[in-house]
């Protein structure tokens, strides 16, 4: 009987250890934190905070002056009655140019969109893609983002900033009456194309 109890206790301890291993797994998410997106189809919230500015200045100045003079003798002695006694030829050419140009451009985009995981890369990084469209009063605005994120950069609230997205391709496009009014007319486009 004592042997039976000892064997039963040993089996109970071993089976308990096996059950404990089955309940907790290293790959399981912590019960105390929000689970992050690791699979294709999971959704991640992207906070877009982009600001860019560029300025380009160019200037050119050139000043070229050429002087040319020649004195002719002997061969023109016979032509003296026709052209006169002066046998010197001189000339001057000068060219001046000054040009300045400047371009300046800036943009600022602030938005929040949801993107889904399209692929889990072999190194564990996630390829994402998200599109957000809003239409108000016949004005359509679309914000799109594609890129790659590291799972460890995703916060506990399942968010990531756009500047943490590698190979980010951010597209903001608007169509409608306001977009048409801000675009140059066809005559302006032709002149810009020609010149």
C-alpha atoms as a PDB file:
ATOM      1  CA  UNK A   1       0.000   0.000   0.000  1.00  0.00           C
ATOM      2  CA  UNK A   2       2.840   2.387   0.826  1.00  0.00           C
ATOM      3  CA  UNK A   3       4.436   1.618  -2.530  1.00  0.00           C
ATOM      4  CA  UNK A   4       1.165   2.301  -4.295  1.00  0.00           C
ATOM      5  CA  UNK A   5       0.823   5.665  -2.546  1.00  0.00           C
ATOM      6  CA  UNK A   6       4.433   6.578  -3.322  1.00  0.00           C
ATOM      7  CA  UNK A   7       3.976   5.715  -7.026  1.00  0.00           C
ATOM      8  CA  UNK A   8       0.661   7.605  -7.136  1.00  0.00           C
ATOM      9  CA  UNK A   9       2.253  10.713  -5.577  1.00  0.00           C
ATOM     10  CA  UNK A  10       5.153  10.520  -8.023  1.00  0.00           C
ATOM     11  CA  UNK A  11       2.773  10.248 -10.980  1.00  0.00           C
ATOM     12  CA  UNK A  12       0.735  13.152  -9.636  1.00  0.00           C
ATOM     13  CA  UNK A  13       3.836  15.350  -9.316  1.00  0.00           C
ATOM     14  CA  UNK A  14       5.059  14.456 -12.824  1.00  0.00           C
ATOM     15  CA  UNK A  15       1.635  15.024 -14.387  1.00  0.00           C
ATOM     16  CA  UNK A  16       1.340  18.344 -12.554  1.00  0.00           C
ATOM     17  CA  UNK A  17       4.677  19.466 -14.007  1.00  0.00           C
ATOM     18  CA  UNK A  18       3.511  18.454 -17.473  1.00  0.00           C
ATOM     19  CA  UNK A  19       0.260  20.408 -17.037  1.00  0.00           C
ATOM     20  CA  UNK A  20       2.135  23.455 -15.784  1.00  0.00           C
ATOM     21  CA  UNK A  21       4.291  23.382 -18.904  1.00  0.00           C
ATOM     22  CA  UNK A  22       1.227  23.091 -21.114  1.00  0.00           C
ATOM     23  CA  UNK A  23      -0.468  26.079 -19.461  1.00  0.00           C
ATOM     24  CA  UNK A  24       2.485  28.495 -19.667  1.00  0.00           C
ATOM     25  CA  UNK A  25       4.491  28.745 -22.857  1.00  0.00           C
ATOM     26  CA  UNK A  26       7.396  31.076 -23.637  1.00  0.00           C
ATOM     27  CA  UNK A  27       5.662  32.198 -26.830  1.00  0.00           C
ATOM     28  CA  UNK A  28       2.438  33.143 -25.044  1.00  0.00           C
ATOM     29  CA  UNK A  29       1.665  36.799 -24.550  1.00  0.00           C
ATOM     30  CA  UNK A  30       1.825  38.172 -21.056  1.00  0.00           C
ATOM     31  CA  UNK A  31      -1.608  38.315 -19.390  1.00  0.00           C
ATOM     32  CA  UNK A  32      -0.640  41.771 -18.045  1.00  0.00           C
ATOM     33  CA  UNK A  33       0.061  43.505 -21.382  1.00  0.00           C
ATOM     34  CA  UNK A  34      -1.804  44.124 -24.610  1.00  0.00           C
ATOM     35  CA  UNK A  35      -0.939  41.563 -27.236  1.00  0.00           C
ATOM     36  CA  UNK A  36       0.997  43.011 -30.171  1.00  0.00           C
ATOM     37  CA  UNK A  37       0.362  42.209 -33.826  1.00  0.00           C
ATOM     38  CA  UNK A  38       2.533  39.386 -35.070  1.00  0.00           C
ATOM     39  CA  UNK A  39       0.355  37.661 -37.692  1.00  0.00           C
ATOM     40  CA  UNK A  40      -0.799  38.496 -41.191  1.00  0.00           C
ATOM     41  CA  UNK A  41      -4.121  40.313 -40.956  1.00  0.00           C
ATOM     42  CA  UNK A  42      -3.501  41.865 -37.530  1.00  0.00           C
ATOM     43  CA  UNK A  43      -4.198  45.601 -37.290  1.00  0.00           C
ATOM     44  CA  UNK A  44      -1.770  48.244 -36.025  1.00  0.00           C
ATOM     45  CA  UNK A  45      -2.654  51.899 -35.392  1.00  0.00           C
ATOM     46  CA  UNK A  46      -0.246  54.319 -37.058  1.00  0.00           C
ATOM     47  CA  UNK A  47       0.149  57.839 -35.670  1.00  0.00           C
ATOM     48  CA  UNK A  48       1.341  59.998 -38.563  1.00  0.00           C
ATOM     49  CA  UNK A  49       3.408  62.977 -37.473  1.00  0.00           C
ATOM     50  CA  UNK A  50       5.350  64.156 -40.523  1.00  0.00           C
ATOM     51  CA  UNK A  51       6.841  67.570 -41.117  1.00  0.00           C
ATOM     52  CA  UNK A  52       9.272  68.401 -43.889  1.00  0.00           C
ATOM     53  CA  UNK A  53      10.766  71.516 -45.397  1.00  0.00           C
ATOM     54  CA  UNK A  54      13.260  72.100 -48.175  1.00  0.00           C
ATOM     55  CA  UNK A  55      14.940  75.200 -49.481  1.00  0.00           C
ATOM     56  CA  UNK A  56      17.132  75.535 -52.539  1.00  0.00           C
ATOM     57  CA  UNK A  57      19.008  78.684 -53.519  1.00  0.00           C
ATOM     58  CA  UNK A  58      21.000  79.154 -56.709  1.00  0.00           C
ATOM     59  CA  UNK A  59      22.854  82.100 -58.172  1.00  0.00           C
ATOM     60  CA  UNK A  60      24.938  82.584 -61.305  1.00  0.00           C
ATOM     61  CA  UNK A  61      27.022  85.538 -62.333  1.00  0.00           C
ATOM     62  CA  UNK A  62      29.259  85.758 -65.375  1.00  0.00           C
ATOM     63  CA  UNK A  63      31.218  88.648 -66.822  1.00  0.00           C
ATOM     64  CA  UNK A  64      33.095  88.090 -70.069  1.00  0.00           C
ATOM     65  CA  UNK A  65      34.925  90.825 -71.959  1.00  0.00           C
ATOM     66  CA  UNK A  66      37.052  90.311 -75.078  1.00  0.00           C
ATOM     67  CA  UNK A  67      39.120  93.018 -76.750  1.00  0.00           C
ATOM     68  CA  UNK A  68      40.526  92.516 -80.229  1.00  0.00           C
ATOM     69  CA  UNK A  69      42.740  94.872 -82.161  1.00  0.00           C
ATOM     70  CA  UNK A  70      44.922  94.585 -85.237  1.00  0.00           C
ATOM     71  CA  UNK A  71      47.108  96.959 -87.233  1.00  0.00           C
ATOM     72  CA  UNK A  72      47.544  96.356 -90.919  1.00  0.00           C
ATOM     73  CA  UNK A  73      50.421  97.729 -92.967  1.00  0.00           C
ATOM     74  CA  UNK A  74      52.017  97.095 -96.381  1.00  0.00           C
ATOM     75  CA  UNK A  75      49.069  95.366 -98.044  1.00  0.00           C
ATOM     76  CA  UNK A  76      46.675  98.249 -97.758  1.00  0.00           C
ATOM     77  CA  UNK A  77      48.977 100.965 -99.089  1.00  0.00           C
ATOM     78  CA  UNK A  78      47.230 100.903-102.468  1.00  0.00           C
ATOM     79  CA  UNK A  79      43.789 101.221-100.851  1.00  0.00           C
ATOM     80  CA  UNK A  80      44.740 104.362 -98.912  1.00  0.00           C
ATOM     81  CA  UNK A  81      42.845 106.660-101.291  1.00  0.00           C
ATOM     82  CA  UNK A  82      39.692 104.573-100.812  1.00  0.00           C
ATOM     83  CA  UNK A  83      39.722 103.681 -97.095  1.00  0.00           C
ATOM     84  CA  UNK A  84      41.868 106.462 -95.750  1.00  0.00           C
ATOM     85  CA  UNK A  85      45.164 106.487 -93.937  1.00  0.00           C
ATOM     86  CA  UNK A  86      43.976 104.621 -90.845  1.00  0.00           C
ATOM     87  CA  UNK A  87      44.958 100.936 -91.159  1.00  0.00           C
ATOM     88  CA  UNK A  88      43.963  99.802 -87.701  1.00  0.00           C
ATOM     89  CA  UNK A  89      41.042  97.517 -86.909  1.00  0.00           C
ATOM     90  CA  UNK A  90      39.724  97.113 -83.382  1.00  0.00           C
ATOM     91  CA  UNK A  91      36.696  95.592 -81.768  1.00  0.00           C
ATOM     92  CA  UNK A  92      35.310  94.804 -78.335  1.00  0.00           C
ATOM     93  CA  UNK A  93      32.805  92.215 -77.201  1.00  0.00           C
ATOM     94  CA  UNK A  94      31.385  91.979 -73.695  1.00  0.00           C
ATOM     95  CA  UNK A  95      28.745  89.776 -72.146  1.00  0.00           C
ATOM     96  CA  UNK A  96      27.259  90.028 -68.710  1.00  0.00           C
ATOM     97  CA  UNK A  97      24.753  87.721 -67.050  1.00  0.00           C
ATOM     98  CA  UNK A  98      23.365  87.501 -63.549  1.00  0.00           C
ATOM     99  CA  UNK A  99      20.657  85.104 -62.477  1.00  0.00           C
ATOM    100  CA  UNK A 100      19.177  84.104 -59.141  1.00  0.00           C
ATOM    101  CA  UNK A 101      16.663  81.424 -58.269  1.00  0.00           C
ATOM    102  CA  UNK A 102      15.089  80.126 -55.091  1.00  0.00           C
ATOM    103  CA  UNK A 103      12.598  77.410 -54.276  1.00  0.00           C
ATOM    104  CA  UNK A 104      11.033  76.663 -50.940  1.00  0.00           C
ATOM    105  CA  UNK A 105       8.612  73.900 -50.032  1.00  0.00           C
ATOM    106  CA  UNK A 106       7.128  72.642 -46.786  1.00  0.00           C
ATOM    107  CA  UNK A 107       4.539  70.101 -45.723  1.00  0.00           C
ATOM    108  CA  UNK A 108       2.942  68.982 -42.490  1.00  0.00           C
ATOM    109  CA  UNK A 109       0.796  65.863 -42.083  1.00  0.00           C
ATOM    110  CA  UNK A 110      -0.866  64.804 -38.836  1.00  0.00           C
ATOM    111  CA  UNK A 111      -3.254  61.860 -38.864  1.00  0.00           C
ATOM    112  CA  UNK A 112      -4.053  58.521 -37.291  1.00  0.00           C
ATOM    113  CA  UNK A 113      -4.830  55.513 -39.479  1.00  0.00           C
ATOM    114  CA  UNK A 114      -5.129  51.760 -39.057  1.00  0.00           C
ATOM    115  CA  UNK A 115      -2.852  49.491 -41.087  1.00  0.00           C
ATOM    116  CA  UNK A 116      -2.905  45.741 -41.409  1.00  0.00           C
ATOM    117  CA  UNK A 117       0.021  43.330 -41.457  1.00  0.00           C
ATOM    118  CA  UNK A 118       0.452  42.044 -45.015  1.00  0.00           C
ATOM    119  CA  UNK A 119       3.516  39.866 -44.396  1.00  0.00           C
ATOM    120  CA  UNK A 120       5.695  38.612 -41.555  1.00  0.00           C
ATOM    121  CA  UNK A 121       9.281  38.794 -42.821  1.00  0.00           C
ATOM    122  CA  UNK A 122      11.842  36.073 -42.004  1.00  0.00           C
ATOM    123  CA  UNK A 123      13.574  38.339 -39.452  1.00  0.00           C
ATOM    124  CA  UNK A 124      10.263  38.894 -37.630  1.00  0.00           C
ATOM    125  CA  UNK A 125       9.612  42.401 -38.953  1.00  0.00           C
ATOM    126  CA  UNK A 126       6.140  43.187 -40.248  1.00  0.00           C
ATOM    127  CA  UNK A 127       5.205  44.588 -43.666  1.00  0.00           C
ATOM    128  CA  UNK A 128       2.185  46.874 -43.231  1.00  0.00           C
ATOM    129  CA  UNK A 129      -0.274  48.676 -45.475  1.00  0.00           C
ATOM    130  CA  UNK A 130      -2.998  51.114 -44.551  1.00  0.00           C
ATOM    131  CA  UNK A 131      -5.382  53.383 -46.446  1.00  0.00           C
ATOM    132  CA  UNK A 132      -7.767  55.889 -44.888  1.00  0.00           C
ATOM    133  CA  UNK A 133     -10.334  57.733 -47.028  1.00  0.00           C
ATOM    134  CA  UNK A 134     -12.649  60.514 -45.948  1.00  0.00           C
ATOM    135  CA  UNK A 135     -15.268  62.179 -48.135  1.00  0.00           C
ATOM    136  CA  UNK A 136     -16.891  65.455 -47.052  1.00  0.00           C
ATOM    137  CA  UNK A 137     -19.007  67.629 -49.364  1.00  0.00           C
ATOM    138  CA  UNK A 138     -17.788  65.909 -52.540  1.00  0.00           C
ATOM    139  CA  UNK A 139     -14.169  66.291 -51.410  1.00  0.00           C
ATOM    140  CA  UNK A 140     -12.253  63.005 -51.152  1.00  0.00           C
ATOM    141  CA  UNK A 141      -9.067  62.862 -49.104  1.00  0.00           C
ATOM    142  CA  UNK A 142      -7.011  59.668 -49.053  1.00  0.00           C
ATOM    143  CA  UNK A 143      -4.045  58.909 -46.791  1.00  0.00           C
ATOM    144  CA  UNK A 144      -2.027  55.788 -47.551  1.00  0.00           C
ATOM    145  CA  UNK A 145       1.013  54.287 -45.838  1.00  0.00           C
ATOM    146  CA  UNK A 146       3.128  51.234 -46.586  1.00  0.00           C
ATOM    147  CA  UNK A 147       6.378  50.128 -44.975  1.00  0.00           C
ATOM    148  CA  UNK A 148       8.043  47.797 -42.492  1.00  0.00           C
ATOM    149  CA  UNK A 149       7.908  47.907 -38.674  1.00  0.00           C
ATOM    150  CA  UNK A 150       9.649  46.072 -35.862  1.00  0.00           C
ATOM    151  CA  UNK A 151       7.276  44.339 -33.446  1.00  0.00           C
ATOM    152  CA  UNK A 152       9.224  45.692 -30.451  1.00  0.00           C
ATOM    153  CA  UNK A 153       8.492  49.267 -31.588  1.00  0.00           C
ATOM    154  CA  UNK A 154       4.730  48.693 -31.310  1.00  0.00           C
ATOM    155  CA  UNK A 155       3.518  50.120 -28.006  1.00  0.00           C
ATOM    156  CA  UNK A 156       1.309  48.367 -25.500  1.00  0.00           C
ATOM    157  CA  UNK A 157      -1.630  50.380 -26.898  1.00  0.00           C
ATOM    158  CA  UNK A 158      -0.942  48.783 -30.327  1.00  0.00           C
ATOM    159  CA  UNK A 159       0.321  52.057 -31.839  1.00  0.00           C
ATOM    160  CA  UNK A 160       3.465  53.085 -33.665  1.00  0.00           C
ATOM    161  CA  UNK A 161       4.657  56.456 -34.990  1.00  0.00           C
ATOM    162  CA  UNK A 162       5.145  56.974 -38.701  1.00  0.00           C
ATOM    163  CA  UNK A 163       8.802  57.920 -38.210  1.00  0.00           C
ATOM    164  CA  UNK A 164       9.388  54.393 -36.841  1.00  0.00           C
ATOM    165  CA  UNK A 165       8.220  52.828 -40.122  1.00  0.00           C
ATOM    166  CA  UNK A 166      11.138  51.750 -42.328  1.00  0.00           C
ATOM    167  CA  UNK A 167      10.839  52.216 -46.106  1.00  0.00           C
ATOM    168  CA  UNK A 168       7.777  54.330 -45.400  1.00  0.00           C
ATOM    169  CA  UNK A 169       5.774  55.445 -48.410  1.00  0.00           C
ATOM    170  CA  UNK A 170       3.260  58.056 -47.261  1.00  0.00           C
ATOM    171  CA  UNK A 171       0.714  59.360 -49.770  1.00  0.00           C
ATOM    172  CA  UNK A 172      -1.770  62.165 -49.117  1.00  0.00           C
ATOM    173  CA  UNK A 173      -4.083  63.002 -51.992  1.00  0.00           C
ATOM    174  CA  UNK A 174      -7.210  65.094 -52.250  1.00  0.00           C
ATOM    175  CA  UNK A 175      -9.696  65.353 -55.082  1.00  0.00           C
ATOM    176  CA  UNK A 176     -12.725  67.553 -55.535  1.00  0.00           C
ATOM    177  CA  UNK A 177     -13.606  71.223 -55.934  1.00  0.00           C
ATOM    178  CA  UNK A 178     -10.903  72.510 -53.558  1.00  0.00           C
ATOM    179  CA  UNK A 179      -8.231  70.320 -55.131  1.00  0.00           C
ATOM    180  CA  UNK A 180      -9.267  71.426 -58.614  1.00  0.00           C
ATOM    181  CA  UNK A 181      -9.237  75.108 -57.616  1.00  0.00           C
ATOM    182  CA  UNK A 182      -5.729  74.859 -56.171  1.00  0.00           C
ATOM    183  CA  UNK A 183      -4.305  73.123 -59.261  1.00  0.00           C
ATOM    184  CA  UNK A 184      -2.874  75.273 -62.085  1.00  0.00           C
ATOM    185  CA  UNK A 185      -5.043  75.697 -65.184  1.00  0.00           C
ATOM    186  CA  UNK A 186      -4.331  73.986 -68.493  1.00  0.00           C
ATOM    187  CA  UNK A 187      -2.864  77.153 -70.073  1.00  0.00           C
ATOM    188  CA  UNK A 188      -0.435  77.539 -67.146  1.00  0.00           C
ATOM    189  CA  UNK A 189       0.545  73.886 -67.453  1.00  0.00           C
ATOM    190  CA  UNK A 190       1.316  74.335 -71.154  1.00  0.00           C
ATOM    191  CA  UNK A 191       3.494  77.398 -70.473  1.00  0.00           C
ATOM    192  CA  UNK A 192       5.304  75.585 -67.666  1.00  0.00           C
ATOM    193  CA  UNK A 193       5.889  72.618 -69.956  1.00  0.00           C
ATOM    194  CA  UNK A 194       7.218  74.837 -72.769  1.00  0.00           C
ATOM    195  CA  UNK A 195       9.389  77.056 -70.604  1.00  0.00           C
END
